[in-house]
Amino acid sequence: MDPQDLEARSAVNSPPSATDRPPAKFGNTGEPARLQKSLKPHWVMSIALGSAVGWGAFVLPVDWMGTAGPLGALLGLAVGGLLMVLIGVSYGFLTRTFPVSGGAFAYTLVGFGRNHAFVCAWFMTLGYTSIVALNASALALLGRRIFPGVVEQGYLYEVAGWGVYLGEVVVASVALLVFAVVNIRGASVSGRFQFVFCVVMVSAVLIILIGVLLSPQGGLSNVDPLFAPETAPVAGVLAIVAIAPWAYIGFDNIPQSAEEFDFPEKKAGRLIIWSLLAAMALYCAMILATASARPWQELLGENRVWATADAVTGSMGITGLIVLCVAVSMGIATGLNGFFVAGSRVLLAMGRAQIVPSAFQYVHPRHGTPYVGILFILAFCLVAPWAGRTALEWIVDMASIGFTFAFLYTCLCAYKAFRWSGQEEPEGIEGSCSSWRKLTAGAGVLVAVAFIALLLAPGSPAQLSTPSMIAMGIWIMVGLVFYLMRYRHSTTVRDEDMDRAVLNRPRPAHMRRGD
């Protein structure tokens, strides 16, 4: 965007700069800068789909089959995807009502106040940031398979059984820098890239599935037995269902980018549902392709770097490996790009609310992007590759419980906003008098509680590991310290000012309440 365009924008939409008005703060006439409306519908859906279908769809099918068997893995991911659709309905409604950056943070602020909103956003920020770091490390893992002589150079040390090499640190760091620059350059730039990456990824998955089923070695007969012999079918399916918050988390990147829609916000709900169904189809396609490539039990119990690649290569040869590498590369790239978008928008909303330093609300004077949040995520992620992939996976597993709490808060807020059919529609919540929507929001609450129980309940087939629980305890303590450091300043911000900054409108009267 050139300077003439910037000068033509209104005061509300114009990003701050050193020669412009002072940074927006509460108590003066300045208003927080708003992001430019530049995202097209197919870009937004690509951001969600590409974030949901990351490296895991191409690396983990054998692990999932080892837990539940082919049919158990398919059922688990399908059931988990449909349960996420219930939650997605609430996100779609609230996105239409509050089309601003922040997603679940903004909705929690509306429904339950700033203290609950801080808890929600604290875990969301860690989750988005750690997934960016994990995708960067997945690129290094891919390099270990394709170019082991290059990536596994400069052995440094070992963390939790994972050898750290200078070569993979460099690969991950370069990827992080590239996607940080892409995101700073503008949402339209990252949206275009995301759409192209998604088209390539979906095409590659279709080629793999068709190629495996048509190959002489492949066939549906290889899928037998349908369930893992050592695990009860129900337990295996539940263990896969429990990973749904992690597997499908990218769908909530649509609410995070709502402020930048260049189309009616009412389309958000459909985009969320279609992105979830498309992600579910891609996950199931990769499981079916892997199970059909060769007798799937032959892939278990061996020290394989990438069992999915072994299965596809055995069925389709070097062509299959090339196509699979393209698919996983696109999955990693879309995850890096999409979660840079989501994480920086949460930090932008928190900056507007004064829950974090106000610098996070600034947008780039030329590109109009939340560059401070992008640089913060980059700084965190550049440290992560030095910690080793095993330790990073503990953090991501722990962060999944934070996402389930975000789902819970969002569905509770939607349930609070909805009215039963026939009741008087509250001011500011158009289309809220719908019994089926209120029931769906209530069902979403129950689904979120069930996910939390699966991850935390003792004896659950999907209970978090001890290292992940320790990591969660540490992050909670760090969050408590950070909250106390900001508490005195936060109490000086009036609810009305916080609502105006985050929501760009007053909070609906029937949802006003204190913490």
Protein backbone atom coordinates (compact mmCIF):
# COMPACT_ATOMS: atom_id res chain seq x y z
CA MET A 1 0.00 0.00 0.00
CA ASP A 2 1.48 3.38 -1.00
CA PRO A 3 1.46 6.56 1.17
CA GLN A 4 -1.38 8.13 -0.83
CA ASP A 5 -3.65 5.21 -0.02
CA LEU A 6 -2.76 5.42 3.64
CA GLU A 7 -3.62 9.12 3.76
CA ALA A 8 -7.01 8.43 2.22
CA ARG A 9 -8.04 5.96 4.91
CA SER A 10 -10.22 7.06 7.79
CA ALA A 11 -8.82 7.77 11.24
CA VAL A 12 -10.28 4.55 12.59
CA ASN A 13 -8.73 2.36 9.93
CA SER A 14 -5.42 4.18 9.59
CA PRO A 15 -2.44 2.42 11.22
CA PRO A 16 -0.31 4.51 13.59
CA SER A 17 3.13 5.72 12.59
CA ALA A 18 5.88 7.87 14.01
CA THR A 19 4.65 10.93 12.09
CA ASP A 20 0.96 10.26 12.66
CA ARG A 21 -1.04 10.58 15.86
CA PRO A 22 0.39 9.02 19.03
CA PRO A 23 -0.29 5.32 19.68
CA ALA A 24 -3.91 4.73 20.66
CA LYS A 25 -4.35 4.62 24.42
CA PHE A 26 -7.36 4.79 26.66
CA GLY A 27 -8.24 8.15 28.09
CA ASN A 28 -7.56 10.23 24.94
CA THR A 29 -9.35 10.69 21.65
CA GLY A 30 -7.22 8.16 19.80
CA GLU A 31 -8.74 4.86 18.68
CA PRO A 32 -6.93 1.56 18.17
CA ALA A 33 -5.95 1.03 14.55
CA ARG A 34 -8.13 -1.41 12.63
CA LEU A 35 -6.86 -3.92 10.10
CA GLN A 36 -7.52 -3.54 6.39
CA LYS A 37 -10.37 -5.59 4.90
CA SER A 38 -8.46 -7.55 2.26
CA LEU A 39 -9.17 -11.27 2.76
CA LYS A 40 -11.34 -13.08 0.19
CA PRO A 41 -13.54 -16.06 1.16
CA HIS A 42 -11.37 -18.74 -0.52
CA TRP A 43 -8.26 -17.30 1.15
CA VAL A 44 -9.94 -17.43 4.56
CA MET A 45 -11.07 -21.02 4.09
CA SER A 46 -7.55 -21.91 2.95
CA ILE A 47 -6.12 -20.36 6.12
CA ALA A 48 -8.41 -22.58 8.20
CA LEU A 49 -8.02 -25.77 6.15
CA GLY A 50 -4.26 -25.45 5.78
CA SER A 51 -3.83 -24.80 9.49
CA ALA A 52 -5.98 -27.80 10.47
CA VAL A 53 -4.29 -30.22 8.06
CA GLY A 54 -0.63 -29.86 8.92
CA TRP A 55 2.27 -32.26 9.04
CA GLY A 56 0.36 -34.68 11.30
CA ALA A 57 -1.92 -35.85 8.50
CA PHE A 58 1.13 -37.11 6.57
CA VAL A 59 3.38 -38.29 9.42
CA LEU A 60 1.06 -39.78 12.07
CA PRO A 61 -1.39 -42.17 10.29
CA VAL A 62 0.62 -45.24 11.34
CA ASP A 63 0.69 -44.05 14.97
CA TRP A 64 -3.07 -43.58 14.90
CA MET A 65 -3.60 -47.02 13.38
CA GLY A 66 -1.35 -48.52 16.04
CA THR A 67 -3.68 -47.02 18.66
CA ALA A 68 -7.06 -47.86 17.13
CA GLY A 69 -6.55 -49.74 13.85
CA PRO A 70 -7.49 -48.31 10.43
CA LEU A 71 -11.26 -48.26 10.96
CA GLY A 72 -10.84 -47.07 14.54
CA ALA A 73 -8.66 -44.18 13.38
CA LEU A 74 -11.13 -43.29 10.62
CA LEU A 75 -14.08 -43.39 13.02
CA GLY A 76 -12.21 -41.42 15.68
CA LEU A 77 -11.25 -38.59 13.35
CA ALA A 78 -14.67 -38.55 11.70
CA VAL A 79 -16.52 -38.43 15.04
CA GLY A 80 -14.05 -35.84 16.33
CA GLY A 81 -14.57 -33.72 13.22
CA LEU A 82 -18.36 -33.83 13.56
CA LEU A 83 -18.11 -32.86 17.22
CA MET A 84 -15.94 -29.92 16.22
CA VAL A 85 -18.66 -28.86 13.77
CA LEU A 86 -20.99 -28.45 16.77
CA ILE A 87 -18.46 -26.12 18.33
CA GLY A 88 -17.86 -24.40 15.00
CA VAL A 89 -21.52 -23.34 14.80
CA SER A 90 -21.05 -21.18 17.91
CA TYR A 91 -17.86 -19.69 16.48
CA GLY A 92 -19.66 -18.86 13.24
CA PHE A 93 -22.48 -17.03 15.00
CA LEU A 94 -20.15 -15.02 17.25
CA THR A 95 -17.88 -14.17 14.31
CA ARG A 96 -20.86 -12.65 12.53
CA THR A 97 -21.85 -10.72 15.65
CA PHE A 98 -18.34 -9.58 16.62
CA PRO A 99 -16.24 -9.43 13.41
CA VAL A 100 -13.00 -8.38 15.12
CA SER A 101 -9.56 -9.82 15.76
CA GLY A 102 -9.18 -12.00 18.84
CA GLY A 103 -11.66 -14.82 18.31
CA ALA A 104 -12.37 -16.68 21.56
CA PHE A 105 -10.58 -13.97 23.55
CA ALA A 106 -13.09 -11.35 22.36
CA TYR A 107 -16.06 -13.69 22.94
CA THR A 108 -14.89 -14.57 26.46
CA LEU A 109 -14.48 -10.88 27.22
CA VAL A 110 -18.10 -10.34 26.17
CA GLY A 111 -19.52 -13.25 28.10
CA PHE A 112 -17.39 -13.50 31.21
CA GLY A 113 -15.18 -10.44 31.58
CA ARG A 114 -11.50 -9.63 31.43
CA ASN A 115 -10.16 -12.14 33.97
CA HIS A 116 -11.63 -15.13 32.15
CA ALA A 117 -10.58 -13.58 28.84
CA PHE A 118 -6.98 -13.39 30.05
CA VAL A 119 -6.99 -17.08 31.01
CA CYS A 120 -8.43 -18.02 27.61
CA ALA A 121 -5.97 -15.86 25.67
CA TRP A 122 -2.95 -16.97 27.72
CA PHE A 123 -3.41 -20.57 26.63
CA MET A 124 -4.40 -19.66 23.08
CA THR A 125 -1.24 -17.61 22.60
CA LEU A 126 0.94 -20.47 23.79
CA GLY A 127 -0.97 -22.94 21.63
CA TYR A 128 -0.72 -20.95 18.42
CA THR A 129 2.93 -20.08 19.00
CA SER A 130 4.00 -23.60 19.89
CA ILE A 131 2.24 -25.02 16.80
CA VAL A 132 4.19 -22.56 14.65
CA ALA A 133 7.38 -23.84 16.26
CA LEU A 134 6.32 -27.48 15.87
CA ASN A 135 5.62 -26.99 12.17
CA ALA A 136 9.08 -25.47 11.72
CA SER A 137 10.63 -28.48 13.47
CA ALA A 138 8.54 -30.77 11.24
CA LEU A 139 10.24 -29.22 8.24
CA ALA A 140 13.58 -30.16 9.77
CA LEU A 141 12.23 -33.67 10.40
CA LEU A 142 11.29 -33.89 6.72
CA GLY A 143 14.84 -32.85 5.89
CA ARG A 144 16.16 -35.73 8.00
CA ARG A 145 14.27 -38.14 5.76
CA ILE A 146 15.13 -36.55 2.40
CA PHE A 147 18.58 -35.04 3.01
CA PRO A 148 19.95 -36.70 6.15
CA GLY A 149 23.54 -35.92 5.20
CA VAL A 150 22.74 -32.21 5.11
CA VAL A 151 20.30 -31.69 7.98
CA GLU A 152 22.03 -34.02 10.44
CA GLN A 153 25.18 -31.91 10.49
CA GLY A 154 26.71 -30.27 13.54
CA TYR A 155 25.51 -32.48 16.39
CA LEU A 156 25.00 -30.29 19.47
CA TYR A 157 23.39 -32.21 22.32
CA GLU A 158 20.42 -34.38 23.28
CA VAL A 159 17.16 -33.29 24.94
CA ALA A 160 14.73 -35.95 26.23
CA GLY A 161 16.18 -38.53 23.85
CA TRP A 162 16.11 -36.24 20.79
CA GLY A 163 19.42 -35.32 19.21
CA VAL A 164 19.64 -31.63 18.30
CA TYR A 165 21.66 -30.78 15.17
CA LEU A 166 22.76 -27.36 14.00
CA GLY A 167 21.53 -28.22 10.49
CA GLU A 168 17.92 -28.73 11.56
CA VAL A 169 18.02 -25.60 13.73
CA VAL A 170 19.07 -23.62 10.64
CA VAL A 171 16.31 -25.18 8.47
CA ALA A 172 13.62 -24.41 11.06
CA SER A 173 14.92 -20.88 11.65
CA VAL A 174 14.99 -19.99 7.95
CA ALA A 175 11.40 -21.22 7.54
CA LEU A 176 10.27 -19.12 10.49
CA LEU A 177 11.95 -16.00 9.14
CA VAL A 178 10.44 -16.46 5.68
CA PHE A 179 6.87 -16.81 6.94
CA ALA A 180 7.26 -13.96 9.41
CA VAL A 181 8.24 -11.70 6.52
CA VAL A 182 5.32 -12.97 4.41
CA ASN A 183 2.88 -12.16 7.21
CA ILE A 184 4.33 -8.72 7.86
CA ARG A 185 4.04 -7.92 4.16
CA GLY A 186 0.26 -8.13 4.39
CA ALA A 187 -2.74 -10.39 4.96
CA SER A 188 -3.50 -10.49 1.24
CA VAL A 189 0.01 -11.78 0.53
CA SER A 190 -0.26 -14.57 3.10
CA GLY A 191 -3.82 -15.33 1.93
CA ARG A 192 -2.72 -15.80 -1.69
CA PHE A 193 0.17 -18.04 -0.65
CA GLN A 194 -2.15 -20.08 1.58
CA PHE A 195 -4.65 -20.70 -1.20
CA VAL A 196 -1.97 -21.92 -3.62
CA PHE A 197 -0.42 -24.17 -0.96
CA CYS A 198 -3.82 -25.70 -0.14
CA VAL A 199 -4.64 -26.44 -3.79
CA VAL A 200 -1.31 -28.23 -4.18
CA MET A 201 -1.79 -30.15 -0.92
CA VAL A 202 -5.30 -31.35 -1.76
CA SER A 203 -4.17 -32.40 -5.25
CA ALA A 204 -1.25 -34.35 -3.80
CA VAL A 205 -3.51 -36.22 -1.35
CA LEU A 206 -5.86 -37.23 -4.16
CA ILE A 207 -2.95 -38.46 -6.28
CA ILE A 208 -1.63 -40.54 -3.36
CA LEU A 209 -5.01 -42.10 -2.55
CA ILE A 210 -5.79 -42.98 -6.17
CA GLY A 211 -2.25 -44.13 -6.87
CA VAL A 212 -2.17 -46.47 -3.86
CA LEU A 213 -5.57 -48.02 -4.60
CA LEU A 214 -4.66 -48.63 -8.25
CA SER A 215 -1.16 -49.98 -7.60
CA PRO A 216 -0.51 -53.75 -7.72
CA GLN A 217 0.72 -53.81 -4.11
CA GLY A 218 -2.11 -51.65 -2.77
CA GLY A 219 -5.72 -52.49 -2.10
CA LEU A 220 -8.42 -52.45 0.54
CA SER A 221 -7.51 -56.01 1.52
CA ASN A 222 -4.46 -54.57 3.32
CA VAL A 223 -6.74 -52.72 5.74
CA ASP A 224 -7.61 -55.92 7.63
CA PRO A 225 -7.77 -56.18 10.66
CA LEU A 226 -9.96 -53.11 11.05
CA PHE A 227 -9.15 -52.48 14.72
CA ALA A 228 -5.96 -52.77 16.75
CA PRO A 229 -5.96 -56.31 18.21
CA GLU A 230 -4.42 -55.26 21.54
CA THR A 231 -6.93 -52.45 22.24
CA ALA A 232 -10.68 -52.50 22.79
CA PRO A 233 -12.32 -50.82 19.78
CA VAL A 234 -14.19 -48.24 21.90
CA ALA A 235 -11.06 -47.28 23.83
CA GLY A 236 -9.09 -46.94 20.61
CA VAL A 237 -11.73 -44.76 18.96
CA LEU A 238 -11.98 -42.53 22.06
CA ALA A 239 -8.22 -42.08 22.10
CA ILE A 240 -8.39 -40.77 18.53
CA VAL A 241 -11.45 -38.61 19.23
CA ALA A 242 -9.50 -36.93 22.01
CA ILE A 243 -6.94 -35.52 19.55
CA ALA A 244 -9.67 -33.62 17.66
CA PRO A 245 -8.92 -30.29 19.41
CA TRP A 246 -5.33 -30.59 18.17
CA ALA A 247 -6.18 -32.04 14.76
CA TYR A 248 -8.82 -29.47 13.82
CA ILE A 249 -7.67 -26.39 15.72
CA GLY A 250 -7.03 -24.41 12.54
CA PHE A 251 -10.75 -23.75 11.96
CA ASP A 252 -10.71 -20.97 14.57
CA ASN A 253 -8.28 -18.99 12.44
CA ILE A 254 -11.41 -17.83 10.60
CA PRO A 255 -12.71 -15.87 13.63
CA GLN A 256 -9.19 -14.57 14.26
CA SER A 257 -9.14 -12.95 10.82
CA ALA A 258 -12.76 -11.72 10.86
CA GLU A 259 -11.75 -8.07 11.04
CA GLU A 260 -10.06 -8.45 7.64
CA PHE A 261 -12.97 -10.02 5.72
CA ASP A 262 -13.80 -8.21 2.49
CA PHE A 263 -17.10 -10.12 2.35
CA PRO A 264 -20.18 -10.32 4.61
CA GLU A 265 -19.42 -11.77 8.04
CA LYS A 266 -22.49 -14.04 7.84
CA LYS A 267 -20.48 -16.31 5.51
CA ALA A 268 -18.07 -17.16 8.34
CA GLY A 269 -20.23 -19.98 9.71
CA ARG A 270 -20.35 -21.80 6.38
CA LEU A 271 -16.61 -21.35 5.86
CA ILE A 272 -15.93 -22.84 9.30
CA ILE A 273 -18.13 -25.89 8.67
CA TRP A 274 -16.77 -26.51 5.16
CA SER A 275 -13.17 -26.17 6.35
CA LEU A 276 -13.80 -28.73 9.13
CA LEU A 277 -15.46 -31.20 6.74
CA ALA A 278 -12.65 -30.77 4.20
CA ALA A 279 -10.01 -31.32 6.89
CA MET A 280 -11.82 -34.45 8.06
CA ALA A 281 -11.86 -35.77 4.49
CA LEU A 282 -8.12 -35.18 4.02
CA TYR A 283 -7.23 -36.86 7.32
CA CYS A 284 -9.35 -39.89 6.46
CA ALA A 285 -7.93 -40.04 2.93
CA MET A 286 -4.36 -40.24 4.23
CA ILE A 287 -5.25 -42.93 6.78
CA LEU A 288 -6.99 -44.99 4.09
CA ALA A 289 -4.09 -44.54 1.67
CA THR A 290 -1.50 -45.57 4.28
CA ALA A 291 -3.51 -48.60 5.43
CA SER A 292 -4.15 -49.71 1.84
CA ALA A 293 -0.55 -49.36 0.62
CA ARG A 294 0.59 -52.55 2.38
CA PRO A 295 -0.57 -54.71 5.32
CA TRP A 296 -0.61 -51.98 7.95
CA GLN A 297 0.60 -54.11 10.85
CA GLU A 298 3.93 -54.54 9.05
CA LEU A 299 4.54 -50.83 9.65
CA LEU A 300 4.30 -51.20 13.44
CA GLY A 301 7.01 -52.12 15.90
CA GLU A 302 9.91 -50.99 13.75
CA ASN A 303 12.27 -48.06 14.26
CA ARG A 304 11.08 -46.07 11.27
CA VAL A 305 11.79 -42.39 10.73
CA TRP A 306 8.64 -41.94 8.62
CA ALA A 307 6.41 -45.01 8.35
CA THR A 308 3.83 -43.29 6.12
CA ALA A 309 6.56 -42.61 3.55
CA ASP A 310 7.66 -46.25 3.71
CA ALA A 311 4.10 -47.40 3.00
CA VAL A 312 3.50 -45.01 0.09
CA THR A 313 6.94 -45.64 -1.42
CA GLY A 314 6.42 -49.39 -1.24
CA SER A 315 3.21 -49.02 -3.22
CA MET A 316 3.94 -46.16 -5.64
CA GLY A 317 7.74 -46.09 -5.72
CA ILE A 318 9.79 -42.91 -5.88
CA THR A 319 6.86 -41.07 -7.49
CA GLY A 320 4.79 -41.66 -4.38
CA LEU A 321 7.58 -40.39 -2.14
CA ILE A 322 7.93 -37.21 -4.19
CA VAL A 323 4.20 -36.51 -4.12
CA LEU A 324 4.05 -37.23 -0.38
CA CYS A 325 6.98 -34.87 0.25
CA VAL A 326 5.17 -32.17 -1.70
CA ALA A 327 2.01 -32.77 0.36
CA VAL A 328 3.74 -32.64 3.73
CA SER A 329 5.74 -29.57 2.67
CA MET A 330 2.50 -27.80 1.80
CA GLY A 331 0.95 -28.93 5.08
CA ILE A 332 3.88 -27.52 7.03
CA ALA A 333 3.85 -24.27 5.06
CA THR A 334 0.11 -23.74 5.55
CA GLY A 335 0.47 -24.44 9.28
CA LEU A 336 3.32 -21.97 9.65
CA ASN A 337 1.46 -19.30 7.72
CA GLY A 338 -1.97 -19.84 9.28
CA PHE A 339 -0.86 -19.86 12.89
CA PHE A 340 1.30 -16.78 12.42
CA VAL A 341 -1.98 -15.13 11.38
CA ALA A 342 -3.95 -16.47 14.36
CA GLY A 343 -1.33 -15.88 17.04
CA SER A 344 -0.60 -12.31 16.00
CA ARG A 345 -4.33 -11.42 15.96
CA VAL A 346 -4.83 -12.71 19.51
CA LEU A 347 -1.90 -10.59 20.68
CA LEU A 348 -3.33 -7.62 18.78
CA ALA A 349 -6.65 -7.97 20.62
CA MET A 350 -4.91 -8.38 23.99
CA GLY A 351 -2.88 -5.25 23.28
CA ARG A 352 -6.07 -3.32 22.54
CA ALA A 353 -7.48 -4.53 25.87
CA GLN A 354 -4.29 -3.42 27.69
CA ILE A 355 -3.91 -6.96 29.07
CA VAL A 356 -0.44 -7.07 27.49
CA PRO A 357 1.81 -4.08 26.71
CA SER A 358 0.09 -1.62 24.38
CA ALA A 359 2.82 -2.08 21.74
CA PHE A 360 1.01 -5.23 20.61
CA GLN A 361 -1.91 -3.14 19.29
CA TYR A 362 0.30 -1.28 16.79
CA VAL A 363 0.02 -2.13 13.12
CA HIS A 364 2.70 -1.69 10.48
CA PRO A 365 2.63 1.86 9.06
CA ARG A 366 3.07 0.59 5.49
CA HIS A 367 1.57 -2.90 5.37
CA GLY A 368 -1.17 -2.52 8.00
CA THR A 369 -0.35 -5.80 9.78
CA PRO A 370 0.09 -6.54 13.53
CA TYR A 371 3.85 -6.76 13.13
CA VAL A 372 4.71 -6.58 16.85
CA GLY A 373 2.78 -9.79 17.51
CA ILE A 374 4.37 -11.45 14.47
CA LEU A 375 7.85 -10.52 15.68
CA PHE A 376 7.03 -11.77 19.20
CA ILE A 377 5.96 -15.16 17.83
CA LEU A 378 9.09 -15.26 15.66
CA ALA A 379 11.34 -14.55 18.65
CA PHE A 380 9.73 -17.31 20.73
CA CYS A 381 9.86 -19.83 17.90
CA LEU A 382 13.51 -19.13 17.04
CA VAL A 383 14.40 -20.39 20.51
CA ALA A 384 12.21 -23.51 20.28
CA PRO A 385 14.33 -25.57 17.79
CA TRP A 386 17.22 -25.52 20.28
CA ALA A 387 15.01 -27.31 22.85
CA GLY A 388 14.51 -30.44 20.75
CA ARG A 389 11.35 -31.81 19.21
CA THR A 390 10.39 -34.07 22.14
CA ALA A 391 10.22 -31.19 24.61
CA LEU A 392 8.28 -29.13 22.06
CA GLU A 393 5.72 -31.91 21.64
CA TRP A 394 5.12 -31.85 25.41
CA ILE A 395 4.28 -28.15 25.15
CA VAL A 396 1.93 -28.67 22.20
CA ASP A 397 0.15 -31.55 23.98
CA MET A 398 -0.30 -29.32 27.01
CA ALA A 399 -1.56 -26.45 24.88
CA SER A 400 -4.35 -28.65 23.52
CA ILE A 401 -6.11 -28.42 26.88
CA GLY A 402 -5.97 -24.63 26.53
CA PHE A 403 -7.75 -24.82 23.18
CA THR A 404 -10.51 -26.95 24.69
CA PHE A 405 -11.07 -24.26 27.33
CA ALA A 406 -11.32 -21.70 24.51
CA PHE A 407 -13.97 -23.92 22.88
CA LEU A 408 -15.82 -24.11 26.20
CA TYR A 409 -15.80 -20.36 26.74
CA THR A 410 -16.97 -19.71 23.18
CA CYS A 411 -19.89 -22.14 23.36
CA LEU A 412 -20.91 -20.80 26.78
CA CYS A 413 -20.87 -17.27 25.40
CA ALA A 414 -22.96 -18.34 22.40
CA TYR A 415 -25.43 -20.13 24.68
CA LYS A 416 -25.71 -16.95 26.73
CA ALA A 417 -26.23 -14.81 23.62
CA PHE A 418 -28.87 -17.04 22.01
CA ARG A 419 -32.53 -16.84 22.95
CA TRP A 420 -35.22 -19.46 22.59
CA SER A 421 -37.50 -19.04 19.57
CA GLY A 422 -40.33 -16.65 20.29
CA GLN A 423 -38.45 -14.59 22.87
CA GLU A 424 -37.71 -10.93 22.30
CA GLU A 425 -34.50 -10.47 20.35
CA PRO A 426 -31.94 -8.51 22.40
CA GLU A 427 -30.52 -5.33 20.94
CA GLY A 428 -27.24 -5.84 19.09
CA ILE A 429 -27.58 -9.63 18.60
CA GLU A 430 -29.41 -10.01 15.30
CA GLY A 431 -30.77 -13.49 14.58
CA SER A 432 -30.19 -14.76 18.12
CA CYS A 433 -33.74 -16.03 18.74
CA SER A 434 -33.28 -19.59 17.53
CA SER A 435 -33.92 -22.65 19.65
CA TRP A 436 -31.84 -24.96 17.47
CA ARG A 437 -28.85 -22.61 17.71
CA LYS A 438 -29.16 -22.40 21.48
CA LEU A 439 -29.38 -26.20 21.67
CA THR A 440 -26.35 -26.51 19.38
CA ALA A 441 -24.38 -24.11 21.61
CA GLY A 442 -25.38 -26.20 24.64
CA ALA A 443 -24.23 -29.35 22.85
CA GLY A 444 -20.93 -27.60 22.09
CA VAL A 445 -20.50 -26.93 25.81
CA LEU A 446 -20.95 -30.64 26.56
CA VAL A 447 -18.51 -31.60 23.79
CA ALA A 448 -15.85 -29.21 25.14
CA VAL A 449 -16.30 -30.60 28.67
CA ALA A 450 -15.96 -34.14 27.29
CA PHE A 451 -12.70 -33.20 25.53
CA ILE A 452 -11.35 -31.72 28.78
CA ALA A 453 -12.29 -34.90 30.64
CA LEU A 454 -10.59 -37.11 28.05
CA LEU A 455 -7.36 -35.10 28.39
CA LEU A 456 -7.30 -34.74 32.19
CA ALA A 457 -9.30 -37.58 33.77
CA PRO A 458 -7.11 -40.27 35.42
CA GLY A 459 -7.28 -43.51 33.49
CA SER A 460 -8.53 -41.86 30.31
CA PRO A 461 -7.07 -43.42 27.14
CA ALA A 462 -6.03 -39.92 26.07
CA GLN A 463 -4.77 -38.53 29.39
CA LEU A 464 -1.92 -36.01 29.04
CA SER A 465 1.54 -37.36 29.84
CA THR A 466 3.31 -36.36 33.04
CA PRO A 467 5.79 -34.05 31.23
CA SER A 468 2.86 -32.29 29.54
CA MET A 469 1.11 -31.83 32.89
CA ILE A 470 4.30 -30.38 34.37
CA ALA A 471 4.62 -28.01 31.39
CA MET A 472 1.02 -26.90 31.93
CA GLY A 473 1.70 -26.20 35.60
CA ILE A 474 4.73 -24.09 34.71
CA TRP A 475 2.78 -22.10 32.11
CA ILE A 476 -0.04 -21.46 34.60
CA MET A 477 2.47 -20.14 37.15
CA VAL A 478 4.10 -17.89 34.53
CA GLY A 479 0.64 -16.62 33.54
CA LEU A 480 -0.21 -15.85 37.17
CA VAL A 481 2.97 -13.82 37.57
CA PHE A 482 2.31 -11.96 34.32
CA TYR A 483 -1.30 -11.28 35.34
CA LEU A 484 -0.24 -9.84 38.69
CA MET A 485 2.33 -7.63 36.96
CA ARG A 486 -0.39 -6.16 34.72
CA TYR A 487 -3.18 -6.15 37.31
CA ARG A 488 -2.73 -2.58 38.60
CA HIS A 489 -2.72 -1.16 35.09
CA SER A 490 -5.63 -3.34 33.96
CA THR A 491 -7.87 -2.05 36.75
CA THR A 492 -7.49 1.51 35.43
CA VAL A 493 -9.17 0.55 32.14
CA ARG A 494 -12.94 0.90 32.17
CA ASP A 495 -15.10 -1.89 30.77
CA GLU A 496 -16.63 0.53 28.26
CA ASP A 497 -13.19 1.53 26.94
CA MET A 498 -12.04 -2.08 26.72
CA ASP A 499 -15.17 -3.08 24.83
CA ARG A 500 -14.73 -0.20 22.38
CA ALA A 501 -11.10 -1.11 21.77
CA VAL A 502 -11.55 -4.87 21.36
CA LEU A 503 -15.09 -5.14 19.94
CA ASN A 504 -15.27 -1.77 18.16
CA ARG A 505 -18.76 -1.47 19.68
CA PRO A 506 -20.46 -1.53 23.10
CA ARG A 507 -21.09 -4.89 24.67
CA PRO A 508 -24.75 -6.05 24.29
CA ALA A 509 -26.74 -4.88 27.31
CA HIS A 510 -27.94 -8.33 28.37
CA MET A 511 -24.33 -9.62 28.42
CA ARG A 512 -22.82 -6.93 30.61
CA ARG A 513 -21.42 -8.21 33.85
CA GLY A 514 -18.34 -7.95 35.95
CA ASP A 515 -15.70 -10.53 36.67
